[in-house]
Protein backbone atom coordinates (compact mmCIF):
# COMPACT_ATOMS: atom_id res chain seq x y z
CA MET A 1 0.04 -0.09 0.34
CA ARG A 2 2.69 2.47 0.85
CA GLY A 3 4.51 1.94 -2.38
CA LEU A 4 1.51 2.56 -4.34
CA GLY A 5 0.77 5.47 -2.78
CA ARG A 6 4.56 6.89 -3.49
CA ALA A 7 3.98 5.98 -7.02
CA GLY A 8 0.64 7.70 -7.09
CA ARG A 9 2.10 11.21 -5.46
CA SER A 10 5.27 10.58 -8.19
CA ARG A 11 2.25 10.60 -10.98
CA GLY A 12 0.80 13.25 -9.60
CA ARG A 13 3.71 15.33 -9.12
CA ARG A 14 4.43 14.96 -13.17
CA ARG A 15 1.07 15.92 -13.90
CA ALA A 16 1.67 18.78 -12.12
CA ARG A 17 4.84 19.71 -13.48
CA SER A 18 3.63 19.69 -17.15
CA ALA A 19 0.46 21.77 -16.45
CA ARG A 20 3.55 24.58 -15.55
CA ARG A 21 5.24 23.55 -18.42
CA PRO A 22 4.78 26.28 -21.24
CA ARG A 23 3.20 24.87 -24.50
CA PRO A 24 5.00 25.36 -27.77
CA ALA A 25 3.82 28.63 -29.75
CA PRO A 26 1.99 27.44 -33.08
CA LEU A 27 3.97 27.48 -35.95
CA PRO A 28 3.38 30.47 -38.65
CA LEU A 29 0.25 29.64 -41.07
CA SER A 30 2.96 30.18 -43.99
CA ARG A 31 5.10 27.25 -42.61
CA LEU A 32 2.40 24.82 -41.89
CA LEU A 33 1.36 25.20 -45.71
CA GLY A 34 4.85 25.13 -47.02
CA GLY A 35 4.87 28.54 -48.40
CA ALA A 36 1.58 27.32 -50.35
CA LEU A 37 -0.18 30.25 -49.21
CA THR A 38 2.50 32.61 -50.08
CA ARG A 39 2.87 31.59 -53.83
CA LEU A 40 -1.14 31.53 -54.10
CA LEU A 41 -1.06 34.99 -52.81
CA GLY A 42 1.33 36.34 -55.00
CA GLY A 43 0.12 34.27 -58.28
CA ALA A 44 -3.43 35.85 -57.40
CA LEU A 45 -1.84 39.70 -56.97
CA THR A 46 0.17 38.69 -60.31
CA ARG A 47 -3.18 38.04 -62.18
CA LEU A 48 -4.78 40.90 -60.85
CA ALA A 49 -2.49 43.32 -61.89
CA GLU A 50 -2.33 41.65 -65.39
CA ARG A 51 -6.17 41.99 -65.67
CA ARG A 52 -6.13 45.81 -64.44
CA ALA A 53 -3.41 46.35 -67.24
CA ARG A 54 -5.40 44.66 -69.86
CA ARG A 55 -8.49 47.26 -68.75
CA GLU A 56 -5.97 49.95 -69.23
CA GLU A 57 -4.95 49.20 -72.34
CA SER A 58 -8.71 48.55 -73.53
CA ARG A 59 -9.31 52.70 -72.33
CA SER A 60 -6.12 54.45 -73.47
CA ALA A 61 -7.26 55.02 -76.88
CA GLY A 62 -3.52 56.20 -77.87
CA ASP A 63 -2.72 58.16 -74.23
CA ALA A 64 -1.02 55.41 -72.84
CA GLY A 65 -1.27 52.33 -75.19
CA ARG A 66 0.44 48.73 -74.61
CA SER A 67 1.92 46.80 -77.66
CA LEU A 68 4.17 43.88 -77.69
CA TYR A 69 7.40 43.53 -79.98
CA ARG A 70 9.51 40.67 -80.22
CA LEU A 71 13.27 40.38 -80.68
CA HIS A 72 14.69 37.62 -82.76
CA PRO A 73 16.34 34.92 -82.53
CA ASP A 74 15.54 34.78 -78.71
CA GLY A 75 11.84 35.68 -79.16
CA ARG A 76 11.57 37.92 -75.75
CA GLY A 77 8.70 40.22 -75.80
CA VAL A 78 8.78 43.85 -75.24
CA ARG A 79 5.45 45.78 -73.29
CA TYR A 80 5.57 49.56 -73.65
CA HIS A 81 3.43 52.80 -72.89
CA VAL A 82 3.21 55.55 -75.12
CA TYR A 83 1.98 58.71 -73.85
CA ALA A 84 1.62 61.13 -76.57
CA GLY A 85 -1.61 62.65 -76.59
CA GLY A 86 -1.69 65.71 -78.34
CA LEU A 87 1.40 65.49 -80.11
CA ARG A 88 1.14 65.36 -83.88
CA ARG A 89 3.25 63.61 -86.91
CA GLY A 90 6.24 66.10 -87.38
CA GLY A 91 5.63 67.66 -84.32
CA PRO A 92 8.38 69.68 -81.99
CA GLY A 93 10.45 68.15 -79.42
CA GLY A 94 11.51 64.64 -78.82
CA VAL A 95 10.74 61.24 -76.60
CA VAL A 96 11.49 60.35 -73.12
CA VAL A 97 11.85 56.69 -72.09
CA TYR A 98 11.66 55.93 -68.69
CA LEU A 99 12.96 52.28 -67.52
CA ASP A 100 11.62 51.85 -63.67
CA GLY A 101 13.42 49.75 -60.95
CA ASP A 102 13.24 46.10 -59.91
CA TYR A 103 9.94 44.16 -59.04
CA TRP A 104 8.98 41.13 -57.82
CA LEU A 105 4.97 41.25 -58.34
CA PRO A 106 3.47 43.58 -61.50
CA ALA A 107 1.58 45.20 -58.84
CA LEU A 108 4.94 46.59 -57.53
CA SER A 109 6.11 48.10 -60.46
CA ARG A 110 5.24 51.77 -61.71
CA PHE A 111 5.45 50.55 -65.04
CA HIS A 112 2.03 48.35 -64.51
CA ARG A 113 0.41 51.31 -63.44
CA PRO A 114 0.55 53.16 -66.48
CA ARG A 115 -2.43 55.72 -64.89
CA GLY A 116 -0.74 56.06 -61.42
CA ARG A 117 0.10 59.57 -60.19
CA THR A 118 4.20 59.05 -61.27
CA MET A 119 3.54 58.05 -64.73
CA ARG A 120 0.57 60.42 -65.73
CA GLY A 121 3.20 63.08 -64.09
CA LEU A 122 6.15 62.02 -66.23
CA ALA A 123 4.18 62.16 -69.19
CA ALA A 124 2.46 65.56 -68.37
CA THR A 125 6.43 67.14 -67.73
CA ALA A 126 7.42 65.56 -71.14
CA ALA A 127 4.62 66.99 -72.68
CA GLU A 128 5.40 70.42 -71.20
CA HIS A 129 8.68 70.58 -73.27
CA GLY A 130 7.01 68.96 -76.32
CA ALA A 131 8.07 65.52 -75.94
CA ALA A 132 6.53 62.08 -75.66
CA LEU A 133 7.00 59.85 -72.68
CA VAL A 134 7.64 55.94 -73.60
CA ALA A 135 7.99 53.54 -70.47
CA VAL A 136 9.50 50.35 -71.17
CA ASP A 137 9.28 47.36 -69.37
CA THR A 138 12.81 45.05 -68.68
CA PRO A 139 12.67 42.13 -70.80
CA ASP A 140 13.40 39.77 -68.05
CA ARG A 141 11.19 36.86 -67.89
CA ALA A 142 13.27 35.03 -65.24
CA VAL A 143 13.06 36.20 -61.75
CA GLY A 144 16.42 36.24 -60.48
CA VAL A 145 18.29 38.40 -57.69
CA GLY A 146 16.07 41.15 -56.99
CA GLY A 147 13.16 40.03 -59.23
CA LEU A 148 12.72 41.47 -62.49
CA THR A 149 15.34 43.56 -63.31
CA TRP A 150 17.28 45.55 -66.00
CA TRP A 151 20.74 45.13 -64.69
CA VAL A 152 21.32 41.63 -64.07
CA ARG A 153 21.85 40.95 -67.18
CA HIS A 154 22.79 44.39 -68.57
CA ARG A 155 24.92 43.64 -71.63
CA GLU A 156 22.19 41.73 -73.26
CA ASN A 157 19.34 43.81 -72.05
CA ALA A 158 21.21 46.70 -73.45
CA ARG A 159 21.49 45.41 -76.71
CA TRP A 160 17.70 44.88 -76.84
CA LEU A 161 16.87 48.43 -75.69
CA ARG A 162 19.19 49.60 -78.76
CA GLY A 163 16.94 47.78 -81.13
CA PHE A 164 14.19 48.97 -79.61
CA LEU A 165 15.15 52.86 -79.99
CA ASP A 166 16.22 51.86 -83.42
CA VAL A 167 12.21 51.14 -84.20
CA LEU A 168 10.85 53.64 -81.60
CA PRO A 169 10.24 56.53 -84.19
CA THR A 170 7.83 53.74 -85.89
CA LEU A 171 5.54 53.74 -82.81
CA LEU A 172 5.11 57.77 -82.22
CA PRO A 173 2.59 60.17 -84.12
CA PHE A 174 5.68 62.05 -85.21
CA ARG A 175 9.31 61.14 -85.83
CA PRO A 176 11.65 62.40 -82.82
CA ARG A 177 14.73 64.80 -83.15
CA HIS A 178 16.37 63.34 -80.02
CA ILE A 179 15.71 60.97 -77.33
CA TRP A 180 16.10 61.24 -73.63
CA VAL A 181 16.68 57.97 -71.27
CA MET A 182 15.71 57.94 -67.61
CA GLY A 183 16.39 55.42 -64.91
CA TYR A 184 15.24 54.62 -61.82
CA SER A 185 16.96 52.21 -59.23
CA GLY A 186 17.88 49.35 -61.56
CA GLY A 187 17.26 51.28 -64.61
CA ALA A 188 19.90 53.75 -63.74
CA GLU A 189 22.32 51.22 -63.24
CA LEU A 190 21.39 49.69 -66.74
CA LEU A 191 22.18 53.23 -68.23
CA ALA A 192 25.17 53.98 -66.11
CA ALA A 193 26.34 50.25 -67.44
CA GLU A 194 25.93 50.63 -71.03
CA LEU A 195 25.48 54.16 -72.25
CA ARG A 196 27.67 53.14 -74.96
CA ARG A 197 25.53 50.84 -76.72
CA LEU A 198 22.68 53.55 -76.59
CA LEU A 199 25.03 56.00 -78.62
CA PRO A 200 23.53 55.65 -82.04
CA SER A 201 26.44 57.68 -83.49
CA GLY A 202 29.61 55.50 -81.14
CA ALA A 203 31.36 57.03 -78.72
CA GLY A 204 33.90 54.15 -78.23
CA PRO A 205 34.44 50.54 -79.27
CA GLY A 206 31.81 47.66 -79.23
CA GLU A 207 28.79 50.31 -78.77
CA THR A 208 26.51 48.72 -81.55
CA ASP A 209 25.98 45.03 -82.52
CA PRO A 210 25.17 44.19 -85.92
CA ALA A 211 23.34 41.42 -85.21
CA ASP A 212 20.32 43.90 -82.98
CA ALA A 213 19.70 45.53 -86.41
CA GLY A 214 16.41 44.96 -88.42
CA ALA A 215 15.56 42.33 -85.39
CA TRP A 216 12.43 43.69 -84.42
CA GLU A 217 8.89 42.72 -85.99
CA THR A 218 5.69 44.17 -84.27
CA VAL A 219 3.15 41.95 -82.37
CA SER A 220 0.43 44.04 -81.12
CA ALA A 221 -3.20 43.43 -80.86
CA GLY A 222 -4.98 42.96 -84.17
CA ALA A 223 -1.83 43.65 -86.35
CA ASP A 224 0.11 40.74 -88.58
CA PRO A 225 3.68 40.65 -87.35
CA GLY A 226 5.29 40.55 -90.82
CA GLU A 227 3.38 43.62 -91.26
CA ALA A 228 6.17 45.49 -89.00
CA GLU A 229 6.86 48.93 -90.85
CA PRO A 230 10.70 49.36 -90.76
CA ALA A 231 12.46 52.49 -88.97
CA GLU A 232 13.41 54.84 -91.80
CA GLY A 233 16.26 57.71 -91.89
CA PRO A 234 19.19 58.13 -89.65
CA ALA A 235 19.02 56.67 -85.88
CA VAL A 236 17.43 59.58 -83.35
CA PRO A 237 20.29 61.11 -81.87
CA LEU A 238 20.60 60.74 -77.73
CA ALA A 239 19.93 63.95 -75.73
CA GLY A 240 20.80 63.19 -72.34
CA ALA A 241 20.49 60.76 -69.34
CA VAL A 242 18.90 60.73 -66.18
CA MET A 243 20.07 58.14 -63.34
CA VAL A 244 17.96 58.64 -60.14
CA GLY A 245 18.61 56.21 -56.95
CA GLY A 246 21.63 54.24 -58.47
CA GLY A 247 23.58 54.78 -61.68
CA ASP A 248 27.20 52.63 -61.19
CA PRO A 249 28.82 51.44 -64.11
CA GLY A 250 30.24 48.63 -62.12
CA ASN A 251 32.98 46.71 -63.93
CA ALA A 252 31.22 47.53 -66.95
CA PRO A 253 34.06 50.11 -69.17
CA VAL A 254 33.24 53.55 -69.35
CA PRO A 255 33.39 54.82 -73.06
CA PRO A 256 35.95 57.74 -73.97
CA PRO A 257 33.47 60.47 -74.76
CA GLY A 258 34.58 61.55 -78.21
CA GLU A 259 32.23 64.16 -79.92
CA HIS A 260 29.43 63.28 -77.09
CA ALA A 261 31.38 64.77 -74.15
CA GLY A 262 29.11 67.28 -73.27
CA LEU A 263 26.06 65.04 -73.30
CA PRO A 264 24.24 65.96 -69.91
CA LEU A 265 24.31 62.80 -67.69
CA LEU A 266 22.30 63.79 -64.64
CA TRP A 267 22.62 61.68 -61.39
CA TRP A 268 19.87 62.24 -58.64
CA ILE A 269 20.50 60.83 -55.55
CA GLY A 270 18.50 61.70 -51.93
CA ASP A 271 20.01 62.93 -49.14
CA ARG A 272 18.11 60.01 -47.09
CA ASP A 273 18.82 57.30 -49.92
CA GLY A 274 21.16 54.82 -48.54
CA SER A 275 18.81 51.87 -50.06
CA PRO A 276 19.71 48.86 -47.64
CA ASP A 277 18.43 46.35 -50.21
CA PRO A 278 17.64 42.36 -48.76
CA PRO A 279 18.19 40.85 -51.94
CA ARG A 280 21.97 43.01 -52.32
CA PRO A 281 22.79 43.82 -48.98
CA LEU A 282 25.99 45.35 -49.39
CA TRP A 283 24.37 47.94 -52.46
CA SER A 284 23.77 51.22 -51.78
CA ALA A 285 22.36 53.89 -54.08
CA ALA A 286 24.27 56.81 -52.81
CA ARG A 287 27.59 55.28 -53.48
CA ALA A 288 26.33 53.81 -56.93
CA ALA A 289 25.57 57.19 -57.77
CA GLN A 290 28.82 58.83 -56.64
CA ARG A 291 30.85 56.12 -58.67
CA GLY A 292 28.77 56.63 -61.50
CA ALA A 293 28.98 60.16 -61.53
CA THR A 294 32.94 60.29 -60.95
CA ALA A 295 33.69 57.52 -63.06
CA TYR A 296 31.97 59.49 -66.41
CA ARG A 297 33.50 62.83 -64.96
CA ALA A 298 37.17 61.16 -64.88
CA ALA A 299 36.48 59.71 -68.49
CA GLY A 300 36.18 63.50 -70.00
CA TRP A 301 32.32 63.41 -70.15
CA THR A 302 32.40 67.24 -69.14
CA GLY A 303 28.03 66.98 -69.10
CA ALA A 304 28.43 64.25 -65.98
CA SER A 305 26.78 66.03 -62.73
CA LEU A 306 25.45 64.83 -59.24
CA ARG A 307 22.38 66.43 -57.73
CA VAL A 308 21.26 65.78 -54.23
CA VAL A 309 17.66 65.95 -53.24
CA PRO A 310 16.83 67.03 -50.06
CA GLY A 311 14.66 64.91 -47.72
CA THR A 312 14.16 62.14 -50.02
CA GLY A 313 14.55 58.19 -49.50
CA HIS A 314 14.72 55.56 -52.14
CA ARG A 315 11.21 55.14 -52.55
CA SER A 316 10.15 58.63 -52.03
CA TYR A 317 11.71 60.68 -55.15
CA ASP A 318 9.66 63.12 -56.90
CA LEU A 319 10.24 61.49 -60.11
CA PRO A 320 8.32 64.10 -62.45
CA ALA A 321 10.12 66.98 -60.83
CA VAL A 322 13.32 65.25 -61.41
CA LEU A 323 12.61 65.00 -65.12
CA ARG A 324 11.31 68.62 -65.41
CA ALA A 325 14.56 69.83 -63.82
CA SER A 326 16.73 67.75 -66.03
CA LEU A 327 15.07 68.85 -69.11
CA ALA A 328 15.26 72.36 -68.11
CA ARG A 329 18.89 71.70 -67.26
CA GLY A 330 19.71 70.21 -70.64
CA GLY A 331 17.88 72.83 -72.41
CA ARG A 332 15.70 70.76 -74.75
CA GLY A 333 12.86 68.28 -74.46
């Protein structure tokens, strides 16, 4: 009897200790589902953004159009928006080509919000200077470091962009006299690394690739790919480049300026833009802009300059205001 009493008391103490022991916290739902919920939500946001883009396209009537081009032989497509309301064929001015930053989902990209405040503001600013705005999406379709980017495959993407600029006059209601290029964050990184490929007359060795010429065909709604209108006349000259929140050429060679020494190359960086970026923890937008402007000035590009934007972080730039100041500084739209 005494032994049974001690056993009973021992079981009672174990039950008391287990009652006082804290229960383990429940696992997060995303871990329980093995990430399936996260992937499902991402897919839903992507489909929502694509449906919204299609609705915007159907309402655009030419003011913010969306078409598709493809580059052979790899067959990648380009998505772009043209803002040219009120500009007539043979009209004044040029065109501003805008490249946005990296994104993981279309819903997080300005490009995929063609009627958002920033894109409409950029279009209005370009129009003030008699220019059209053309926003171009990155041709990347494989999500990598940083999501969908311009800078990861910068050499390939720059050759692709050069081909697009060659056919750009056929997409507008007038032939532009010149082109400004503007890039934000990852878009700025591409421009700084590959500017030599965007100069039609050439400023250094290897700036053009013969394989790029004649590689484009139109593939837009209701159009026959075989009916693409070829670009006519000489290549449209580059009037200037605007790099916002980045712009480091990295290991890419900075070309000698040649006849383009005075070309406006304008870096803009916010005084609060250190830009800690999880995919690239060692990357700094401020350091990238400083390196880019310094490298081009050292190579003899007298038009290169760096401007600091007060009270601005990486995601709070007033891009229309930056474009307005850049075009005013460059002296032409």
